[in-house]
mmCIF file of all heavy atoms, coordinates in Angstrom:
data_MODEL
# 
_entry.id   MODEL 
# 
loop_
_atom_site.group_PDB 
_atom_site.id 
_atom_site.type_symbol 
_atom_site.label_atom_id 
_atom_site.label_alt_id 
_atom_site.label_comp_id 
_atom_site.label_asym_id 
_atom_site.label_entity_id 
_atom_site.label_seq_id 
_atom_site.pdbx_PDB_ins_code 
_atom_site.Cartn_x 
_atom_site.Cartn_y 
_atom_site.Cartn_z 
_atom_site.occupancy 
_atom_site.B_iso_or_equiv 
_atom_site.pdbx_formal_charge 
_atom_site.auth_seq_id 
_atom_site.auth_comp_id 
_atom_site.auth_asym_id 
_atom_site.auth_atom_id 
_atom_site.pdbx_PDB_model_num 
ATOM 1   N N   . ILE A 1 1  ? -65.137 138.183 -34.879 1.00 0.00 ? 1  ILE A N   1 
ATOM 2   C CA  . ILE A 1 1  ? -64.964 139.606 -35.182 1.00 0.00 ? 1  ILE A CA  1 
ATOM 3   C C   . ILE A 1 1  ? -64.333 140.322 -33.995 1.00 0.00 ? 1  ILE A C   1 
ATOM 4   O O   . ILE A 1 1  ? -63.411 141.146 -34.151 1.00 0.00 ? 1  ILE A O   1 
ATOM 5   C CB  . ILE A 1 1  ? -66.316 140.257 -35.548 1.00 0.00 ? 1  ILE A CB  1 
ATOM 6   C CG1 . ILE A 1 1  ? -66.775 139.777 -36.931 1.00 0.00 ? 1  ILE A CG1 1 
ATOM 7   C CG2 . ILE A 1 1  ? -66.209 141.782 -35.527 1.00 0.00 ? 1  ILE A CG2 1 
ATOM 8   C CD1 . ILE A 1 1  ? -68.175 140.246 -37.311 1.00 0.00 ? 1  ILE A CD1 1 
ATOM 9   N N   . PHE A 1 2  ? -64.808 140.004 -32.804 1.00 0.00 ? 2  PHE A N   1 
ATOM 10  C CA  . PHE A 1 2  ? -64.281 140.647 -31.590 1.00 0.00 ? 2  PHE A CA  1 
ATOM 11  C C   . PHE A 1 2  ? -62.777 140.390 -31.448 1.00 0.00 ? 2  PHE A C   1 
ATOM 12  O O   . PHE A 1 2  ? -61.990 141.333 -31.259 1.00 0.00 ? 2  PHE A O   1 
ATOM 13  C CB  . PHE A 1 2  ? -65.029 140.123 -30.360 1.00 0.00 ? 2  PHE A CB  1 
ATOM 14  C CG  . PHE A 1 2  ? -64.450 140.607 -29.053 1.00 0.00 ? 2  PHE A CG  1 
ATOM 15  C CD1 . PHE A 1 2  ? -64.724 141.883 -28.600 1.00 0.00 ? 2  PHE A CD1 1 
ATOM 16  C CD2 . PHE A 1 2  ? -63.625 139.777 -28.294 1.00 0.00 ? 2  PHE A CD2 1 
ATOM 17  C CE1 . PHE A 1 2  ? -64.182 142.335 -27.392 1.00 0.00 ? 2  PHE A CE1 1 
ATOM 18  C CE2 . PHE A 1 2  ? -63.082 140.220 -27.101 1.00 0.00 ? 2  PHE A CE2 1 
ATOM 19  C CZ  . PHE A 1 2  ? -63.356 141.501 -26.640 1.00 0.00 ? 2  PHE A CZ  1 
ATOM 20  N N   . PHE A 1 3  ? -62.366 139.131 -31.553 1.00 0.00 ? 3  PHE A N   1 
ATOM 21  C CA  . PHE A 1 3  ? -60.957 138.801 -31.333 1.00 0.00 ? 3  PHE A CA  1 
ATOM 22  C C   . PHE A 1 3  ? -60.061 139.263 -32.482 1.00 0.00 ? 3  PHE A C   1 
ATOM 23  O O   . PHE A 1 3  ? -58.947 139.738 -32.252 1.00 0.00 ? 3  PHE A O   1 
ATOM 24  C CB  . PHE A 1 3  ? -60.794 137.296 -31.103 1.00 0.00 ? 3  PHE A CB  1 
ATOM 25  C CG  . PHE A 1 3  ? -61.296 136.838 -29.765 1.00 0.00 ? 3  PHE A CG  1 
ATOM 26  C CD1 . PHE A 1 3  ? -62.337 135.910 -29.667 1.00 0.00 ? 3  PHE A CD1 1 
ATOM 27  C CD2 . PHE A 1 3  ? -60.749 137.331 -28.595 1.00 0.00 ? 3  PHE A CD2 1 
ATOM 28  C CE1 . PHE A 1 3  ? -62.807 135.489 -28.436 1.00 0.00 ? 3  PHE A CE1 1 
ATOM 29  C CE2 . PHE A 1 3  ? -61.214 136.924 -27.342 1.00 0.00 ? 3  PHE A CE2 1 
ATOM 30  C CZ  . PHE A 1 3  ? -62.241 135.997 -27.268 1.00 0.00 ? 3  PHE A CZ  1 
ATOM 31  N N   . TYR A 1 4  ? -60.548 139.168 -33.716 1.00 0.00 ? 4  TYR A N   1 
ATOM 32  C CA  . TYR A 1 4  ? -59.741 139.658 -34.846 1.00 0.00 ? 4  TYR A CA  1 
ATOM 33  C C   . TYR A 1 4  ? -59.587 141.176 -34.772 1.00 0.00 ? 4  TYR A C   1 
ATOM 34  O O   . TYR A 1 4  ? -58.543 141.722 -35.138 1.00 0.00 ? 4  TYR A O   1 
ATOM 35  C CB  . TYR A 1 4  ? -60.370 139.253 -36.179 1.00 0.00 ? 4  TYR A CB  1 
ATOM 36  C CG  . TYR A 1 4  ? -60.216 137.794 -36.536 1.00 0.00 ? 4  TYR A CG  1 
ATOM 37  C CD1 . TYR A 1 4  ? -61.173 137.137 -37.306 1.00 0.00 ? 4  TYR A CD1 1 
ATOM 38  C CD2 . TYR A 1 4  ? -59.099 137.062 -36.132 1.00 0.00 ? 4  TYR A CD2 1 
ATOM 39  C CE1 . TYR A 1 4  ? -61.035 135.804 -37.662 1.00 0.00 ? 4  TYR A CE1 1 
ATOM 40  C CE2 . TYR A 1 4  ? -58.955 135.730 -36.472 1.00 0.00 ? 4  TYR A CE2 1 
ATOM 41  C CZ  . TYR A 1 4  ? -59.923 135.104 -37.234 1.00 0.00 ? 4  TYR A CZ  1 
ATOM 42  O OH  . TYR A 1 4  ? -59.765 133.777 -37.580 1.00 0.00 ? 4  TYR A OH  1 
ATOM 43  N N   . THR A 1 5  ? -60.630 141.862 -34.297 1.00 0.00 ? 5  THR A N   1 
ATOM 44  C CA  . THR A 1 5  ? -60.527 143.313 -34.114 1.00 0.00 ? 5  THR A CA  1 
ATOM 45  C C   . THR A 1 5  ? -59.475 143.649 -33.072 1.00 0.00 ? 5  THR A C   1 
ATOM 46  O O   . THR A 1 5  ? -58.699 144.603 -33.215 1.00 0.00 ? 5  THR A O   1 
ATOM 47  C CB  . THR A 1 5  ? -61.889 143.906 -33.697 1.00 0.00 ? 5  THR A CB  1 
ATOM 48  O OG1 . THR A 1 5  ? -62.855 143.618 -34.715 1.00 0.00 ? 5  THR A OG1 1 
ATOM 49  C CG2 . THR A 1 5  ? -61.806 145.414 -33.506 1.00 0.00 ? 5  THR A CG2 1 
ATOM 50  N N   . LYS A 1 6  ? -59.433 142.844 -32.003 1.00 0.00 ? 6  LYS A N   1 
ATOM 51  C CA  . LYS A 1 6  ? -58.417 143.045 -30.964 1.00 0.00 ? 6  LYS A CA  1 
ATOM 52  C C   . LYS A 1 6  ? -57.017 142.799 -31.528 1.00 0.00 ? 6  LYS A C   1 
ATOM 53  O O   . LYS A 1 6  ? -56.068 143.496 -31.171 1.00 0.00 ? 6  LYS A O   1 
ATOM 54  C CB  . LYS A 1 6  ? -58.674 142.091 -29.790 1.00 0.00 ? 6  LYS A CB  1 
ATOM 55  C CG  . LYS A 1 6  ? -59.974 142.334 -29.070 1.00 0.00 ? 6  LYS A CG  1 
ATOM 56  C CD  . LYS A 1 6  ? -59.875 143.438 -28.037 1.00 0.00 ? 6  LYS A CD  1 
ATOM 57  C CE  . LYS A 1 6  ? -59.364 142.938 -26.716 1.00 0.00 ? 6  LYS A CE  1 
ATOM 58  N NZ  . LYS A 1 6  ? -59.357 144.000 -25.692 1.00 0.00 ? 6  LYS A NZ  1 
ATOM 59  N N   . ALA A 1 7  ? -56.882 141.799 -32.403 1.00 0.00 ? 7  ALA A N   1 
ATOM 60  C CA  . ALA A 1 7  ? -55.589 141.527 -33.033 1.00 0.00 ? 7  ALA A CA  1 
ATOM 61  C C   . ALA A 1 7  ? -55.135 142.715 -33.878 1.00 0.00 ? 7  ALA A C   1 
ATOM 62  O O   . ALA A 1 7  ? -53.969 143.116 -33.833 1.00 0.00 ? 7  ALA A O   1 
ATOM 63  C CB  . ALA A 1 7  ? -55.667 140.260 -33.891 1.00 0.00 ? 7  ALA A CB  1 
ATOM 64  N N   . VAL A 1 8  ? -56.087 143.296 -34.639 1.00 0.00 ? 8  VAL A N   1 
ATOM 65  C CA  . VAL A 1 8  ? -55.773 144.480 -35.447 1.00 0.00 ? 8  VAL A CA  1 
ATOM 66  C C   . VAL A 1 8  ? -55.371 145.647 -34.546 1.00 0.00 ? 8  VAL A C   1 
ATOM 67  O O   . VAL A 1 8  ? -54.418 146.382 -34.836 1.00 0.00 ? 8  VAL A O   1 
ATOM 68  C CB  . VAL A 1 8  ? -56.980 144.864 -36.326 1.00 0.00 ? 8  VAL A CB  1 
ATOM 69  C CG1 . VAL A 1 8  ? -56.808 146.262 -36.917 1.00 0.00 ? 8  VAL A CG1 1 
ATOM 70  C CG2 . VAL A 1 8  ? -57.160 143.853 -37.450 1.00 0.00 ? 8  VAL A CG2 1 
ATOM 71  N N   . TRP A 1 9  ? -56.079 145.807 -33.448 1.00 0.00 ? 9  TRP A N   1 
ATOM 72  C CA  . TRP A 1 9  ? -55.740 146.875 -32.505 1.00 0.00 ? 9  TRP A CA  1 
ATOM 73  C C   . TRP A 1 9  ? -54.325 146.688 -31.952 1.00 0.00 ? 9  TRP A C   1 
ATOM 74  O O   . TRP A 1 9  ? -53.569 147.654 -31.821 1.00 0.00 ? 9  TRP A O   1 
ATOM 75  C CB  . TRP A 1 9  ? -56.755 146.878 -31.362 1.00 0.00 ? 9  TRP A CB  1 
ATOM 76  C CG  . TRP A 1 9  ? -56.363 147.785 -30.231 1.00 0.00 ? 9  TRP A CG  1 
ATOM 77  C CD1 . TRP A 1 9  ? -56.533 149.138 -30.158 1.00 0.00 ? 9  TRP A CD1 1 
ATOM 78  C CD2 . TRP A 1 9  ? -55.706 147.393 -29.012 1.00 0.00 ? 9  TRP A CD2 1 
ATOM 79  N NE1 . TRP A 1 9  ? -56.024 149.617 -28.975 1.00 0.00 ? 9  TRP A NE1 1 
ATOM 80  C CE2 . TRP A 1 9  ? -55.504 148.572 -28.256 1.00 0.00 ? 9  TRP A CE2 1 
ATOM 81  C CE3 . TRP A 1 9  ? -55.259 146.169 -28.502 1.00 0.00 ? 9  TRP A CE3 1 
ATOM 82  C CZ2 . TRP A 1 9  ? -54.890 148.551 -27.011 1.00 0.00 ? 9  TRP A CZ2 1 
ATOM 83  C CZ3 . TRP A 1 9  ? -54.650 146.147 -27.260 1.00 0.00 ? 9  TRP A CZ3 1 
ATOM 84  C CH2 . TRP A 1 9  ? -54.469 147.329 -26.520 1.00 0.00 ? 9  TRP A CH2 1 
ATOM 85  N N   . ALA A 1 10 ? -53.962 145.458 -31.648 1.00 0.00 ? 10 ALA A N   1 
ATOM 86  C CA  . ALA A 1 10 ? -52.653 145.196 -31.049 1.00 0.00 ? 10 ALA A CA  1 
ATOM 87  C C   . ALA A 1 10 ? -51.508 145.317 -32.055 1.00 0.00 ? 10 ALA A C   1 
ATOM 88  O O   . ALA A 1 10 ? -50.397 145.709 -31.688 1.00 0.00 ? 10 ALA A O   1 
ATOM 89  C CB  . ALA A 1 10 ? -52.631 143.801 -30.412 1.00 0.00 ? 10 ALA A CB  1 
ATOM 90  N N   . GLU A 1 11 ? -51.779 144.989 -33.319 1.00 0.00 ? 11 GLU A N   1 
ATOM 91  C CA  . GLU A 1 11 ? -50.718 145.088 -34.337 1.00 0.00 ? 11 GLU A CA  1 
ATOM 92  C C   . GLU A 1 11 ? -51.361 145.477 -35.678 1.00 0.00 ? 11 GLU A C   1 
ATOM 93  O O   . GLU A 1 11 ? -51.540 144.640 -36.570 1.00 0.00 ? 11 GLU A O   1 
ATOM 94  C CB  . GLU A 1 11 ? -49.952 143.768 -34.473 1.00 0.00 ? 11 GLU A CB  1 
ATOM 95  C CG  . GLU A 1 11 ? -48.681 143.907 -35.281 1.00 0.00 ? 11 GLU A CG  1 
ATOM 96  C CD  . GLU A 1 11 ? -47.934 142.594 -35.458 1.00 0.00 ? 11 GLU A CD  1 
ATOM 97  O OE1 . GLU A 1 11 ? -48.301 141.585 -34.811 1.00 0.00 ? 11 GLU A OE1 1 
ATOM 98  O OE2 . GLU A 1 11 ? -46.987 142.582 -36.251 1.00 0.00 ? 11 GLU A OE2 1 
ATOM 99  N N   . ALA A 1 12 ? -51.654 146.741 -35.800 1.00 0.00 ? 12 ALA A N   1 
ATOM 100 C CA  . ALA A 1 12 ? -52.383 147.232 -36.974 1.00 0.00 ? 12 ALA A CA  1 
ATOM 101 C C   . ALA A 1 12 ? -51.576 147.146 -38.259 1.00 0.00 ? 12 ALA A C   1 
ATOM 102 O O   . ALA A 1 12 ? -52.136 147.214 -39.349 1.00 0.00 ? 12 ALA A O   1 
ATOM 103 C CB  . ALA A 1 12 ? -52.816 148.675 -36.750 1.00 0.00 ? 12 ALA A CB  1 
ATOM 104 N N   . SER A 1 13 ? -50.265 146.974 -38.156 1.00 0.00 ? 13 SER A N   1 
ATOM 105 C CA  . SER A 1 13 ? -49.410 146.931 -39.348 1.00 0.00 ? 13 SER A CA  1 
ATOM 106 C C   . SER A 1 13 ? -49.311 145.538 -39.968 1.00 0.00 ? 13 SER A C   1 
ATOM 107 O O   . SER A 1 13 ? -48.626 145.356 -40.973 1.00 0.00 ? 13 SER A O   1 
ATOM 108 C CB  . SER A 1 13 ? -48.001 147.430 -39.003 1.00 0.00 ? 13 SER A CB  1 
ATOM 109 O OG  . SER A 1 13 ? -47.401 146.583 -38.024 1.00 0.00 ? 13 SER A OG  1 
ATOM 110 N N   . ASN A 1 14 ? -49.998 144.554 -39.382 1.00 0.00 ? 14 ASN A N   1 
ATOM 111 C CA  . ASN A 1 14 ? -49.931 143.181 -39.887 1.00 0.00 ? 14 ASN A CA  1 
ATOM 112 C C   . ASN A 1 14 ? -51.096 142.933 -40.863 1.00 0.00 ? 14 ASN A C   1 
ATOM 113 O O   . ASN A 1 14 ? -52.256 142.922 -40.455 1.00 0.00 ? 14 ASN A O   1 
ATOM 114 C CB  . ASN A 1 14 ? -50.004 142.187 -38.721 1.00 0.00 ? 14 ASN A CB  1 
ATOM 115 C CG  . ASN A 1 14 ? -49.675 140.770 -39.154 1.00 0.00 ? 14 ASN A CG  1 
ATOM 116 O OD1 . ASN A 1 14 ? -50.129 140.311 -40.202 1.00 0.00 ? 14 ASN A OD1 1 
ATOM 117 N ND2 . ASN A 1 14 ? -48.895 140.065 -38.363 1.00 0.00 ? 14 ASN A ND2 1 
ATOM 118 N N   . PRO A 1 15 ? -50.804 142.719 -42.166 1.00 0.00 ? 15 PRO A N   1 
ATOM 119 C CA  . PRO A 1 15 ? -51.886 142.536 -43.138 1.00 0.00 ? 15 PRO A CA  1 
ATOM 120 C C   . PRO A 1 15 ? -52.714 141.283 -42.904 1.00 0.00 ? 15 PRO A C   1 
ATOM 121 O O   . PRO A 1 15 ? -53.902 141.243 -43.256 1.00 0.00 ? 15 PRO A O   1 
ATOM 122 C CB  . PRO A 1 15 ? -51.150 142.468 -44.487 1.00 0.00 ? 15 PRO A CB  1 
ATOM 123 C CG  . PRO A 1 15 ? -49.759 142.052 -44.155 1.00 0.00 ? 15 PRO A CG  1 
ATOM 124 C CD  . PRO A 1 15 ? -49.470 142.647 -42.813 1.00 0.00 ? 15 PRO A CD  1 
ATOM 125 N N   . ASP A 1 16 ? -52.131 140.252 -42.297 1.00 0.00 ? 16 ASP A N   1 
ATOM 126 C CA  . ASP A 1 16 ? -52.882 139.021 -42.032 1.00 0.00 ? 16 ASP A CA  1 
ATOM 127 C C   . ASP A 1 16 ? -54.106 139.284 -41.169 1.00 0.00 ? 16 ASP A C   1 
ATOM 128 O O   . ASP A 1 16 ? -55.179 138.712 -41.385 1.00 0.00 ? 16 ASP A O   1 
ATOM 129 C CB  . ASP A 1 16 ? -52.000 137.993 -41.317 1.00 0.00 ? 16 ASP A CB  1 
ATOM 130 C CG  . ASP A 1 16 ? -50.954 137.386 -42.226 1.00 0.00 ? 16 ASP A CG  1 
ATOM 131 O OD1 . ASP A 1 16 ? -51.218 137.277 -43.436 1.00 0.00 ? 16 ASP A OD1 1 
ATOM 132 O OD2 . ASP A 1 16 ? -49.876 137.029 -41.725 1.00 0.00 ? 16 ASP A OD2 1 
ATOM 133 N N   . TYR A 1 17 ? -53.951 140.150 -40.170 1.00 0.00 ? 17 TYR A N   1 
ATOM 134 C CA  . TYR A 1 17 ? -55.046 140.388 -39.238 1.00 0.00 ? 17 TYR A CA  1 
ATOM 135 C C   . TYR A 1 17 ? -56.190 141.156 -39.913 1.00 0.00 ? 17 TYR A C   1 
ATOM 136 O O   . TYR A 1 17 ? -57.365 140.917 -39.617 1.00 0.00 ? 17 TYR A O   1 
ATOM 137 C CB  . TYR A 1 17 ? -54.544 141.144 -38.005 1.00 0.00 ? 17 TYR A CB  1 
ATOM 138 C CG  . TYR A 1 17 ? -53.422 140.429 -37.282 1.00 0.00 ? 17 TYR A CG  1 
ATOM 139 C CD1 . TYR A 1 17 ? -52.468 141.116 -36.546 1.00 0.00 ? 17 TYR A CD1 1 
ATOM 140 C CD2 . TYR A 1 17 ? -53.300 139.038 -37.358 1.00 0.00 ? 17 TYR A CD2 1 
ATOM 141 C CE1 . TYR A 1 17 ? -51.446 140.458 -35.891 1.00 0.00 ? 17 TYR A CE1 1 
ATOM 142 C CE2 . TYR A 1 17 ? -52.273 138.370 -36.708 1.00 0.00 ? 17 TYR A CE2 1 
ATOM 143 C CZ  . TYR A 1 17 ? -51.342 139.088 -35.979 1.00 0.00 ? 17 TYR A CZ  1 
ATOM 144 O OH  . TYR A 1 17 ? -50.322 138.433 -35.343 1.00 0.00 ? 17 TYR A OH  1 
ATOM 145 N N   . HIS A 1 18 ? -55.845 142.056 -40.814 1.00 0.00 ? 18 HIS A N   1 
ATOM 146 C CA  . HIS A 1 18 ? -56.887 142.762 -41.565 1.00 0.00 ? 18 HIS A CA  1 
ATOM 147 C C   . HIS A 1 18 ? -57.612 141.799 -42.503 1.00 0.00 ? 18 HIS A C   1 
ATOM 148 O O   . HIS A 1 18 ? -58.830 141.876 -42.673 1.00 0.00 ? 18 HIS A O   1 
ATOM 149 C CB  . HIS A 1 18 ? -56.267 143.916 -42.353 1.00 0.00 ? 18 HIS A CB  1 
ATOM 150 C CG  . HIS A 1 18 ? -55.781 145.032 -41.495 1.00 0.00 ? 18 HIS A CG  1 
ATOM 151 N ND1 . HIS A 1 18 ? -56.620 145.973 -40.957 1.00 0.00 ? 18 HIS A ND1 1 
ATOM 152 C CD2 . HIS A 1 18 ? -54.523 145.344 -41.053 1.00 0.00 ? 18 HIS A CD2 1 
ATOM 153 C CE1 . HIS A 1 18 ? -55.917 146.834 -40.228 1.00 0.00 ? 18 HIS A CE1 1 
ATOM 154 N NE2 . HIS A 1 18 ? -54.647 146.479 -40.275 1.00 0.00 ? 18 HIS A NE2 1 
ATOM 155 N N   . ASN A 1 19 ? -56.864 140.890 -43.112 1.00 0.00 ? 19 ASN A N   1 
ATOM 156 C CA  . ASN A 1 19 ? -57.472 139.889 -43.985 1.00 0.00 ? 19 ASN A CA  1 
ATOM 157 C C   . ASN A 1 19 ? -58.421 138.982 -43.199 1.00 0.00 ? 19 ASN A C   1 
ATOM 158 O O   . ASN A 1 19 ? -59.535 138.685 -43.641 1.00 0.00 ? 19 ASN A O   1 
ATOM 159 C CB  . ASN A 1 19 ? -56.375 139.058 -44.645 1.00 0.00 ? 19 ASN A CB  1 
ATOM 160 C CG  . ASN A 1 19 ? -56.902 138.111 -45.700 1.00 0.00 ? 19 ASN A CG  1 
ATOM 161 O OD1 . ASN A 1 19 ? -57.475 138.523 -46.697 1.00 0.00 ? 19 ASN A OD1 1 
ATOM 162 N ND2 . ASN A 1 19 ? -56.715 136.813 -45.481 1.00 0.00 ? 19 ASN A ND2 1 
ATOM 163 N N   . ASP A 1 20 ? -57.993 138.553 -42.018 1.00 0.00 ? 20 ASP A N   1 
ATOM 164 C CA  . ASP A 1 20 ? -58.850 137.737 -41.144 1.00 0.00 ? 20 ASP A CA  1 
ATOM 165 C C   . ASP A 1 20 ? -60.166 138.458 -40.849 1.00 0.00 ? 20 ASP A C   1 
ATOM 166 O O   . ASP A 1 20 ? -61.258 137.885 -40.952 1.00 0.00 ? 20 ASP A O   1 
ATOM 167 C CB  . ASP A 1 20 ? -58.151 137.475 -39.805 1.00 0.00 ? 20 ASP A CB  1 
ATOM 168 C CG  . ASP A 1 20 ? -56.927 136.596 -39.933 1.00 0.00 ? 20 ASP A CG  1 
ATOM 169 O OD1 . ASP A 1 20 ? -56.801 135.887 -40.935 1.00 0.00 ? 20 ASP A OD1 1 
ATOM 170 O OD2 . ASP A 1 20 ? -56.084 136.628 -39.013 1.00 0.00 ? 20 ASP A OD2 1 
ATOM 171 N N   . LEU A 1 21 ? -60.023 139.729 -40.463 1.00 0.00 ? 21 LEU A N   1 
ATOM 172 C CA  . LEU A 1 21 ? -61.210 140.507 -40.087 1.00 0.00 ? 21 LEU A CA  1 
ATOM 173 C C   . LEU A 1 21 ? -62.125 140.712 -41.294 1.00 0.00 ? 21 LEU A C   1 
ATOM 174 O O   . LEU A 1 21 ? -63.354 140.636 -41.169 1.00 0.00 ? 21 LEU A O   1 
ATOM 175 C CB  . LEU A 1 21 ? -60.770 141.852 -39.502 1.00 0.00 ? 21 LEU A CB  1 
ATOM 176 C CG  . LEU A 1 21 ? -61.847 142.747 -38.896 1.00 0.00 ? 21 LEU A CG  1 
ATOM 177 C CD1 . LEU A 1 21 ? -62.674 142.000 -37.849 1.00 0.00 ? 21 LEU A CD1 1 
ATOM 178 C CD2 . LEU A 1 21 ? -61.210 143.991 -38.280 1.00 0.00 ? 21 LEU A CD2 1 
ATOM 179 N N   . GLY A 1 22 ? -61.539 140.929 -42.456 1.00 0.00 ? 22 GLY A N   1 
ATOM 180 C CA  . GLY A 1 22 ? -62.335 141.073 -43.666 1.00 0.00 ? 22 GLY A CA  1 
ATOM 181 C C   . GLY A 1 22 ? -63.181 139.846 -43.945 1.00 0.00 ? 22 GLY A C   1 
ATOM 182 O O   . GLY A 1 22 ? -64.357 139.937 -44.339 1.00 0.00 ? 22 GLY A O   1 
ATOM 183 N N   . ILE A 1 23 ? -62.606 138.671 -43.721 1.00 0.00 ? 23 ILE A N   1 
ATOM 184 C CA  . ILE A 1 23 ? -63.311 137.416 -43.993 1.00 0.00 ? 23 ILE A CA  1 
ATOM 185 C C   . ILE A 1 23 ? -64.537 137.262 -43.098 1.00 0.00 ? 23 ILE A C   1 
ATOM 186 O O   . ILE A 1 23 ? -65.627 136.923 -43.568 1.00 0.00 ? 23 ILE A O   1 
ATOM 187 C CB  . ILE A 1 23 ? -62.355 136.222 -43.821 1.00 0.00 ? 23 ILE A CB  1 
ATOM 188 C CG1 . ILE A 1 23 ? -61.355 136.192 -44.977 1.00 0.00 ? 23 ILE A CG1 1 
ATOM 189 C CG2 . ILE A 1 23 ? -63.120 134.903 -43.744 1.00 0.00 ? 23 ILE A CG2 1 
ATOM 190 C CD1 . ILE A 1 23 ? -60.182 135.277 -44.753 1.00 0.00 ? 23 ILE A CD1 1 
ATOM 191 N N   . VAL A 1 24 ? -64.370 137.535 -41.818 1.00 0.00 ? 24 VAL A N   1 
ATOM 192 C CA  . VAL A 1 24 ? -65.522 137.344 -40.927 1.00 0.00 ? 24 VAL A CA  1 
ATOM 193 C C   . VAL A 1 24 ? -66.568 138.442 -41.124 1.00 0.00 ? 24 VAL A C   1 
ATOM 194 O O   . VAL A 1 24 ? -67.763 138.199 -40.958 1.00 0.00 ? 24 VAL A O   1 
ATOM 195 C CB  . VAL A 1 24 ? -65.100 137.221 -39.443 1.00 0.00 ? 24 VAL A CB  1 
ATOM 196 C CG1 . VAL A 1 24 ? -64.431 135.879 -39.197 1.00 0.00 ? 24 VAL A CG1 1 
ATOM 197 C CG2 . VAL A 1 24 ? -64.193 138.364 -39.008 1.00 0.00 ? 24 VAL A CG2 1 
ATOM 198 N N   . TYR A 1 25 ? -66.131 139.641 -41.502 1.00 0.00 ? 25 TYR A N   1 
ATOM 199 C CA  . TYR A 1 25 ? -67.113 140.669 -41.875 1.00 0.00 ? 25 TYR A CA  1 
ATOM 200 C C   . TYR A 1 25 ? -67.923 140.204 -43.088 1.00 0.00 ? 25 TYR A C   1 
ATOM 201 O O   . TYR A 1 25 ? -69.137 140.388 -43.158 1.00 0.00 ? 25 TYR A O   1 
ATOM 202 C CB  . TYR A 1 25 ? -66.409 141.985 -42.212 1.00 0.00 ? 25 TYR A CB  1 
ATOM 203 C CG  . TYR A 1 25 ? -66.104 142.867 -41.026 1.00 0.00 ? 25 TYR A CG  1 
ATOM 204 C CD1 . TYR A 1 25 ? -64.929 143.624 -40.984 1.00 0.00 ? 25 TYR A CD1 1 
ATOM 205 C CD2 . TYR A 1 25 ? -66.991 142.971 -39.957 1.00 0.00 ? 25 TYR A CD2 1 
ATOM 206 C CE1 . TYR A 1 25 ? -64.643 144.451 -39.905 1.00 0.00 ? 25 TYR A CE1 1 
ATOM 207 C CE2 . TYR A 1 25 ? -66.711 143.787 -38.873 1.00 0.00 ? 25 TYR A CE2 1 
ATOM 208 C CZ  . TYR A 1 25 ? -65.528 144.528 -38.853 1.00 0.00 ? 25 TYR A CZ  1 
ATOM 209 O OH  . TYR A 1 25 ? -65.255 145.345 -37.780 1.00 0.00 ? 25 TYR A OH  1 
ATOM 210 N N   . GLU A 1 26 ? -67.237 139.587 -44.030 1.00 0.00 ? 26 GLU A N   1 
ATOM 211 C CA  . GLU A 1 26 ? -67.925 139.104 -45.218 1.00 0.00 ? 26 GLU A CA  1 
ATOM 212 C C   . GLU A 1 26 ? -68.905 137.987 -44.867 1.00 0.00 ? 26 GLU A C   1 
ATOM 213 O O   . GLU A 1 26 ? -69.980 137.876 -45.461 1.00 0.00 ? 26 GLU A O   1 
ATOM 214 C CB  . GLU A 1 26 ? -66.895 138.611 -46.235 1.00 0.00 ? 26 GLU A CB  1 
ATOM 215 C CG  . GLU A 1 26 ? -67.454 138.426 -47.618 1.00 0.00 ? 26 GLU A CG  1 
ATOM 216 C CD  . GLU A 1 26 ? -66.401 138.123 -48.655 1.00 0.00 ? 26 GLU A CD  1 
ATOM 217 O OE1 . GLU A 1 26 ? -65.199 138.265 -48.358 1.00 0.00 ? 26 GLU A OE1 1 
ATOM 218 O OE2 . GLU A 1 26 ? -66.777 137.715 -49.767 1.00 0.00 ? 26 GLU A OE2 1 
ATOM 219 N N   . MET A 1 27 ? -68.538 137.142 -43.903 1.00 0.00 ? 27 MET A N   1 
ATOM 220 C CA  . MET A 1 27 ? -69.434 136.080 -43.468 1.00 0.00 ? 27 MET A CA  1 
ATOM 221 C C   . MET A 1 27 ? -70.731 136.652 -42.888 1.00 0.00 ? 27 MET A C   1 
ATOM 222 O O   . MET A 1 27 ? -71.781 136.017 -42.928 1.00 0.00 ? 27 MET A O   1 
ATOM 223 C CB  . MET A 1 27 ? -68.734 135.196 -42.426 1.00 0.00 ? 27 MET A CB  1 
ATOM 224 C CG  . MET A 1 27 ? -67.608 134.347 -42.993 1.00 0.00 ? 27 MET A CG  1 
ATOM 225 S SD  . MET A 1 27 ? -66.621 133.511 -41.706 1.00 0.00 ? 27 MET A SD  1 
ATOM 226 C CE  . MET A 1 27 ? -67.780 132.268 -41.142 1.00 0.00 ? 27 MET A CE  1 
# 
């Protein structure tokens, strides 16, 4: 969650990173 959140922060326009973060939140 920490690293995927950082990825979203660095490139918020990339849908892959939001999808990644969604998965680990769901976990």
